[in-house]
Protein backbone atom coordinates (compact mmCIF):
# COMPACT_ATOMS: atom_id res chain seq x y z
CA MET A 1 0.00 0.00 0.00
CA THR A 2 1.51 3.30 -1.08
CA THR A 3 -1.18 5.93 -0.53
CA PRO A 4 0.64 9.29 -0.07
CA GLY A 5 -0.09 11.55 2.89
CA TRP A 6 -0.61 10.85 6.53
CA ALA A 7 -1.23 7.45 8.10
CA LEU A 8 -2.13 6.25 11.60
CA ALA A 9 -2.32 2.84 13.27
CA ILE A 10 -3.33 2.11 16.86
CA HIS A 11 -3.57 -0.88 19.17
CA GLY A 12 -5.25 -1.61 22.47
CA GLY A 13 -3.16 -4.68 23.23
CA ALA A 14 -2.76 -8.20 21.92
CA GLY A 15 -4.25 -9.65 25.09
CA THR A 16 -7.77 -9.82 23.73
CA ILE A 17 -10.74 -11.50 25.34
CA LEU A 18 -10.94 -15.05 23.96
CA ARG A 19 -13.38 -15.25 21.06
CA ASP A 20 -15.62 -17.83 22.75
CA THR A 21 -16.15 -15.54 25.75
CA MET A 22 -16.55 -12.24 23.83
CA THR A 23 -20.11 -10.90 23.79
CA PRO A 24 -21.49 -8.80 20.91
CA GLU A 25 -22.00 -5.90 23.32
CA LYS A 26 -18.43 -6.01 24.58
CA GLU A 27 -17.00 -6.30 21.08
CA ALA A 28 -19.07 -3.31 19.96
CA ALA A 29 -17.70 -1.31 22.89
CA TYR A 30 -14.13 -2.11 21.86
CA HIS A 31 -14.74 -1.06 18.26
CA ALA A 32 -16.37 2.19 19.39
CA ALA A 33 -13.44 2.96 21.67
CA LEU A 34 -10.91 2.25 18.90
CA ARG A 35 -12.80 4.58 16.56
CA ARG A 36 -12.60 7.37 19.15
CA VAL A 37 -8.86 6.82 19.40
CA LEU A 38 -8.42 6.97 15.63
CA GLU A 39 -10.38 10.21 15.48
CA ALA A 40 -8.15 11.79 18.13
CA GLY A 41 -5.01 10.95 16.20
CA GLN A 42 -6.24 11.71 12.72
CA SER A 43 -7.64 15.09 13.78
CA VAL A 44 -4.02 16.14 14.39
CA LEU A 45 -2.73 14.68 11.13
CA ARG A 46 -5.56 16.07 8.96
CA ASP A 47 -4.68 19.59 10.07
CA GLY A 48 -1.02 19.16 9.18
CA GLY A 49 0.09 18.40 12.73
CA LEU A 50 3.16 16.44 13.72
CA ALA A 51 3.20 12.66 13.99
CA ILE A 52 4.56 12.90 17.55
CA ASP A 53 1.53 14.96 18.59
CA ALA A 54 -0.87 12.59 16.85
CA VAL A 55 0.45 9.47 18.59
CA THR A 56 0.49 11.25 21.95
CA GLU A 57 -3.14 12.33 21.64
CA ALA A 58 -4.23 8.89 20.45
CA VAL A 59 -2.60 7.20 23.43
CA VAL A 60 -4.13 9.74 25.84
CA VAL A 61 -7.57 8.55 24.70
CA LEU A 62 -6.48 4.92 25.08
CA GLU A 63 -5.24 5.64 28.62
CA ASP A 64 -8.56 7.28 29.51
CA GLU A 65 -10.52 4.21 28.37
CA PRO A 66 -10.90 1.57 31.15
CA LEU A 67 -11.32 -1.20 28.55
CA PHE A 68 -7.57 -1.13 27.85
CA ASN A 69 -4.60 -1.96 30.07
CA ALA A 70 -3.04 1.49 30.42
CA GLY A 71 -3.79 4.55 32.50
CA ARG A 72 -7.30 4.23 33.93
CA GLY A 73 -7.55 0.57 32.90
CA ALA A 74 -4.16 -0.52 34.25
CA VAL A 75 -3.86 -3.97 35.81
CA PHE A 76 -2.63 -4.66 39.35
CA THR A 77 0.67 -6.06 40.55
CA SER A 78 0.83 -9.10 42.83
CA ALA A 79 0.89 -6.64 45.74
CA GLY A 80 -2.37 -5.03 44.64
CA GLU A 81 -0.74 -1.83 43.35
CA GLN A 82 -0.64 -0.26 39.89
CA GLU A 83 2.63 0.59 38.17
CA MET A 84 2.55 2.18 34.73
CA ASP A 85 5.12 2.47 31.94
CA ALA A 86 5.03 4.66 28.83
CA ALA A 87 7.27 5.88 26.02
CA VAL A 88 7.28 8.16 22.99
CA MET A 89 9.79 8.45 20.14
CA ASP A 90 10.09 11.05 17.39
CA GLY A 91 11.44 9.74 14.09
CA ARG A 92 12.79 13.14 13.05
CA ASP A 93 15.81 12.95 15.34
CA ARG A 94 15.24 9.82 17.45
CA GLN A 95 14.39 11.94 20.46
CA ALA A 96 12.69 9.67 22.97
CA GLY A 97 11.16 9.81 26.42
CA ALA A 98 10.12 7.01 28.74
CA VAL A 99 8.82 6.49 32.27
CA ALA A 100 8.58 3.28 34.26
CA GLY A 101 6.78 2.14 37.38
CA ILE A 102 4.87 5.36 37.98
CA PHE A 103 1.46 5.92 39.56
CA GLY A 104 -0.59 9.08 39.90
CA PRO A 105 -0.47 11.04 36.64
CA ARG A 106 -3.72 10.63 34.74
CA ASN A 107 -1.83 10.08 31.50
CA PRO A 108 1.61 8.45 31.78
CA ILE A 109 2.21 9.13 28.08
CA ARG A 110 2.22 12.86 28.80
CA VAL A 111 4.93 12.32 31.41
CA ALA A 112 6.96 10.37 28.84
CA ARG A 113 6.54 13.30 26.48
CA LEU A 114 7.93 15.65 29.15
CA VAL A 115 10.95 13.39 29.52
CA MET A 116 11.46 13.43 25.75
CA ASP A 117 11.66 17.22 25.88
CA SER A 118 14.26 17.05 28.69
CA PRO A 119 17.93 15.99 28.53
CA GLN A 120 16.91 12.53 29.81
CA VAL A 121 15.51 9.54 27.93
CA MET A 122 14.07 7.46 30.80
CA MET A 123 12.94 8.38 34.32
CA ILE A 124 11.42 6.43 37.19
CA GLY A 125 9.97 7.02 40.64
CA PRO A 126 9.55 10.30 42.54
CA PRO A 127 11.68 12.42 40.16
CA ALA A 128 9.42 11.48 37.24
CA LEU A 129 6.37 12.41 39.30
CA ALA A 130 8.01 15.68 40.32
CA LEU A 131 8.57 16.51 36.66
CA ALA A 132 4.87 15.89 35.97
CA ARG A 133 3.78 18.04 38.90
CA ALA A 134 6.08 20.88 37.91
CA ALA A 135 4.52 20.86 34.44
CA GLY A 136 1.02 20.97 35.92
CA LEU A 137 -0.09 17.60 34.56
CA PRO A 138 -3.29 16.29 36.20
CA PHE A 139 -2.99 13.57 38.85
CA GLU A 140 -5.70 11.17 40.00
CA ASP A 141 -6.25 9.08 43.13
CA ARG A 142 -6.60 5.30 43.49
CA ASP A 143 -10.37 5.40 43.03
CA TYR A 144 -9.94 6.86 39.54
CA PHE A 145 -7.63 4.05 38.44
CA PHE A 146 -9.52 1.23 40.16
CA THR A 147 -11.62 -1.02 37.95
CA LYS A 148 -13.48 -4.00 39.35
CA ALA A 149 -12.65 -6.16 36.33
CA ARG A 150 -8.88 -5.66 36.82
CA TRP A 151 -9.14 -6.31 40.56
CA THR A 152 -11.13 -9.49 39.98
CA ALA A 153 -8.57 -10.62 37.41
CA LEU A 154 -5.81 -10.15 39.98
CA GLN A 155 -7.63 -12.26 42.59
CA GLU A 156 -8.28 -15.03 40.07
CA THR A 157 -4.67 -15.05 38.88
CA LEU A 158 -3.35 -15.16 42.45
CA ALA A 159 -5.72 -18.04 43.22
CA LEU A 160 -4.41 -19.92 40.19
CA ARG A 161 -0.84 -19.40 41.32
CA ALA A 162 -1.68 -20.72 44.77
CA THR A 163 -2.65 -24.04 43.18
CA GLY A 164 0.50 -24.15 41.09
CA ALA A 165 -1.40 -23.52 37.85
CA VAL A 166 -0.10 -21.25 35.12
CA GLU A 167 -2.13 -18.31 33.84
CA THR A 168 -3.07 -18.95 30.21
CA ASP A 169 -5.54 -16.14 29.53
CA PRO A 170 -3.79 -13.75 27.10
CA ALA A 171 -5.91 -10.86 28.36
CA ARG A 172 -4.10 -11.17 31.70
CA ARG A 173 -0.63 -12.13 30.51
CA HIS A 174 -0.16 -9.00 28.43
CA GLY A 175 -1.94 -5.86 27.41
CA THR A 176 -0.64 -2.54 26.17
CA VAL A 177 -1.81 0.40 24.08
CA GLY A 178 0.01 2.27 21.37
CA ALA A 179 -0.01 4.38 18.24
CA VAL A 180 2.27 4.95 15.25
CA ALA A 181 1.91 7.71 12.68
CA LEU A 182 3.25 9.31 9.52
CA ASP A 183 2.49 13.01 9.08
CA LEU A 184 2.15 15.11 5.95
CA ALA A 185 5.76 16.27 6.26
CA GLY A 186 6.98 12.67 6.17
CA ASN A 187 7.78 12.40 9.88
CA LEU A 188 7.25 9.17 11.83
CA ALA A 189 6.51 8.71 15.54
CA ALA A 190 5.50 6.04 18.03
CA ALA A 191 3.91 6.03 21.48
CA THR A 192 3.18 3.12 23.83
CA SER A 193 1.68 2.84 27.33
CA THR A 194 0.87 -0.05 29.67
CA GLY A 195 -0.05 -1.22 33.12
CA GLY A 196 2.03 -4.36 32.57
CA MET A 197 0.92 -7.91 33.30
CA THR A 198 -1.74 -8.90 35.82
CA ALA A 199 -0.09 -9.95 39.10
CA LYS A 200 3.35 -8.92 37.86
CA LEU A 201 6.18 -8.71 40.39
CA PRO A 202 6.31 -5.18 41.85
CA GLY A 203 9.07 -3.27 40.11
CA ARG A 204 8.90 -5.37 36.96
CA VAL A 205 9.29 -3.33 33.77
CA GLY A 206 8.41 -4.70 30.34
CA ASP A 207 9.27 -3.65 26.82
CA THR A 208 7.00 -0.59 26.55
CA PRO A 209 9.49 2.01 27.88
CA VAL A 210 12.53 0.27 26.42
CA ILE A 211 13.43 2.23 23.30
CA GLY A 212 14.09 -0.18 20.44
CA ALA A 213 12.02 -2.94 22.00
CA GLY A 214 8.41 -1.90 22.56
CA THR A 215 8.70 1.59 21.08
CA PHE A 216 10.76 2.80 18.12
CA ALA A 217 10.64 5.46 15.39
CA ASP A 218 13.08 6.66 12.74
CA ASN A 219 12.14 8.70 9.67
CA ALA A 220 14.58 6.63 7.60
CA THR A 221 12.60 3.43 8.13
CA CYS A 222 9.49 3.06 10.27
CA ALA A 223 7.68 3.55 13.56
CA VAL A 224 6.74 0.59 15.77
CA SER A 225 4.64 0.04 18.90
CA ALA A 226 4.54 -3.44 20.41
CA THR A 227 2.28 -5.40 22.72
CA GLY A 228 2.96 -8.79 24.24
CA HIS A 229 5.29 -10.73 26.50
CA GLY A 230 7.63 -7.86 27.27
CA GLU A 231 10.67 -9.80 28.39
CA ILE A 232 10.88 -11.56 25.01
CA PHE A 233 10.30 -8.35 23.07
CA ILE A 234 13.20 -6.78 24.98
CA ARG A 235 15.57 -9.69 24.37
CA TRP A 236 14.82 -9.69 20.64
CA THR A 237 14.74 -5.83 20.42
CA ALA A 238 11.54 -6.14 18.43
CA GLY A 239 11.05 -2.56 17.26
CA ALA A 240 14.65 -1.93 16.25
CA GLU A 241 14.85 -5.32 14.53
CA ILE A 242 11.93 -4.45 12.26
CA ALA A 243 13.60 -1.16 11.33
CA ALA A 244 16.94 -2.93 10.75
CA ARG A 245 15.32 -5.35 8.31
CA LEU A 246 14.04 -2.39 6.29
CA ARG A 247 17.36 -0.55 6.42
CA HIS A 248 19.83 -3.38 5.89
CA ALA A 249 17.91 -6.25 4.29
CA GLY A 250 15.67 -4.25 1.98
CA GLN A 251 12.54 -5.96 3.28
CA SER A 252 9.10 -4.40 3.01
CA LEU A 253 7.39 -3.28 6.20
CA ASP A 254 5.01 -6.23 6.10
CA GLN A 255 7.83 -8.71 5.52
CA ALA A 256 9.92 -7.29 8.36
CA ALA A 257 7.14 -6.96 10.93
CA THR A 258 5.71 -10.40 10.16
CA ALA A 259 9.14 -12.06 10.33
CA VAL A 260 9.91 -10.56 13.72
CA VAL A 261 6.51 -11.43 15.20
CA MET A 262 6.21 -14.91 13.73
CA GLU A 263 9.83 -16.09 13.39
CA ASP A 264 11.73 -14.29 16.16
CA LEU A 265 9.20 -13.73 18.93
CA MET A 266 6.69 -16.57 18.68
CA PRO A 267 9.14 -19.53 18.76
CA ASN A 268 10.74 -18.03 21.86
CA GLY A 269 7.56 -17.51 23.88
CA GLY A 270 6.96 -13.97 22.66
CA SER A 271 3.20 -13.99 22.35
CA GLY A 272 1.82 -10.70 21.06
CA GLY A 273 2.07 -8.37 18.09
CA VAL A 274 3.10 -4.98 16.73
CA ILE A 275 1.72 -2.09 14.76
CA ALA A 276 4.07 -0.33 12.36
CA VAL A 277 4.04 2.35 9.67
CA ASP A 278 6.82 3.20 7.22
CA ARG A 279 7.78 6.40 5.44
CA GLN A 280 5.60 5.53 2.44
CA GLY A 281 2.53 5.19 4.64
CA ASN A 282 2.40 1.40 4.51
CA ILE A 283 0.87 -0.14 7.63
CA ALA A 284 1.51 -3.58 9.15
CA MET A 285 -0.26 -5.05 12.19
CA PRO A 286 0.85 -8.70 12.61
CA PHE A 287 0.20 -10.74 15.76
CA ASN A 288 0.76 -14.35 16.77
CA CYS A 289 -2.06 -14.83 19.28
CA GLU A 290 -5.84 -15.04 18.98
CA GLY A 291 -6.47 -11.35 18.55
CA MET A 292 -5.22 -7.77 18.91
CA TYR A 293 -7.37 -4.69 19.41
CA ARG A 294 -6.28 -2.49 16.53
CA GLY A 295 -7.25 0.08 13.96
CA ALA A 296 -5.84 2.10 11.08
CA VAL A 297 -6.67 5.06 8.88
CA ARG A 298 -4.91 6.92 6.08
CA ARG A 299 -5.67 10.10 4.18
CA GLY A 300 -8.49 9.50 1.74
CA GLU A 301 -9.53 6.20 3.31
CA ALA A 302 -12.17 5.22 5.85
CA PRO A 303 -10.95 4.18 9.31
CA GLN A 304 -11.02 0.45 10.11
CA THR A 305 -10.97 -1.35 13.47
CA PHE A 306 -10.38 -5.02 14.24
CA VAL A 307 -10.26 -7.41 17.20
CA TYR A 308 -9.68 -10.86 15.73
CA ARG A 309 -8.18 -11.98 12.41
C-alpha cells in the first residue's frame, strides 16, 4: 500500500478476550473505543500536525478508556498496586522519552513526552512524578484508576498461582496500548503505554518504555509500537529489529514486521504483536495470538478497526 499523505495505526493490546467468551456488546464497545482513538489521532494529522503529537493524543484517549490496560484501565501487581510504563519516540531525530513504574499522573504518556523534551531519555519514581507536577499535569487518586474487572482478574490469577497452575488467559498475561503515525511532512513517531501484566512482580518493567524494544521510530525506516510478553520483546529488540530489516535487508514493512513477530518472537515464547508504519505510509499489524485490538486510517480512506483476524 503506497497511498501518499498521513497514516495512523493504533492498538489496544494483543491480550484480547478469547473469542468464545466475547459478547457482541463487549466487542461493539471495543470497536467504538478504537474509533474514538483513531479520530483523536487523525484530527491532528488532517490539520497538518506532527506525527509525535498525533500518537500522543491517540494514546491519551487509550489511557482514559478503562477497557484497555493502560492509565485508567491498568492492571494490578501481585501486591495489589498499579505501576505504569510509557514511552514516545520522534522519528525526526530519534528523540525519545520514557517512564517506568509510575502511579498518579492521569496520562503516563504525557509524562513520557515531558521526559522526551528534557535531557533525559528514561525516568522512574519520585523524580518522574516531580517533573509531571512541575509541568502541571493532572494527577488522580486510586479510586480513579480502580476497575473491578482488573481487581477481579488479579484475585483469580493469584488463586491460580496458589494451586501451582499457570495463567493462560492472554488478556491477563499481556496488554498494552500504542499508536504509530506518519504526518504530511513525512515524519514518523511512536507512542506506547501499559499497566504491565496482571499480578506482575512489583518493580517489573516490560518492553513498553525500552526504546528499540516496545517503542521505536526513525524517519529513515518506520515507527513501531509493540504489545505482548515484554521480556521476550526486549531480548529480541523487536522494534529496532523491524527497522533494521528495512534498512539493511531491503525488506518491506510487512515482511519485516511479520518475520519478527512470527519467526523471532513466537518460537521463543513472545506472544503478542506490533503495529508499524513506514515512510511511504504502509501499515503492518501482525500478531501471533488469537487477537489484537487495533485500527488504522490513512488520508483518503475510511478508518477500520479489528479485534480478531
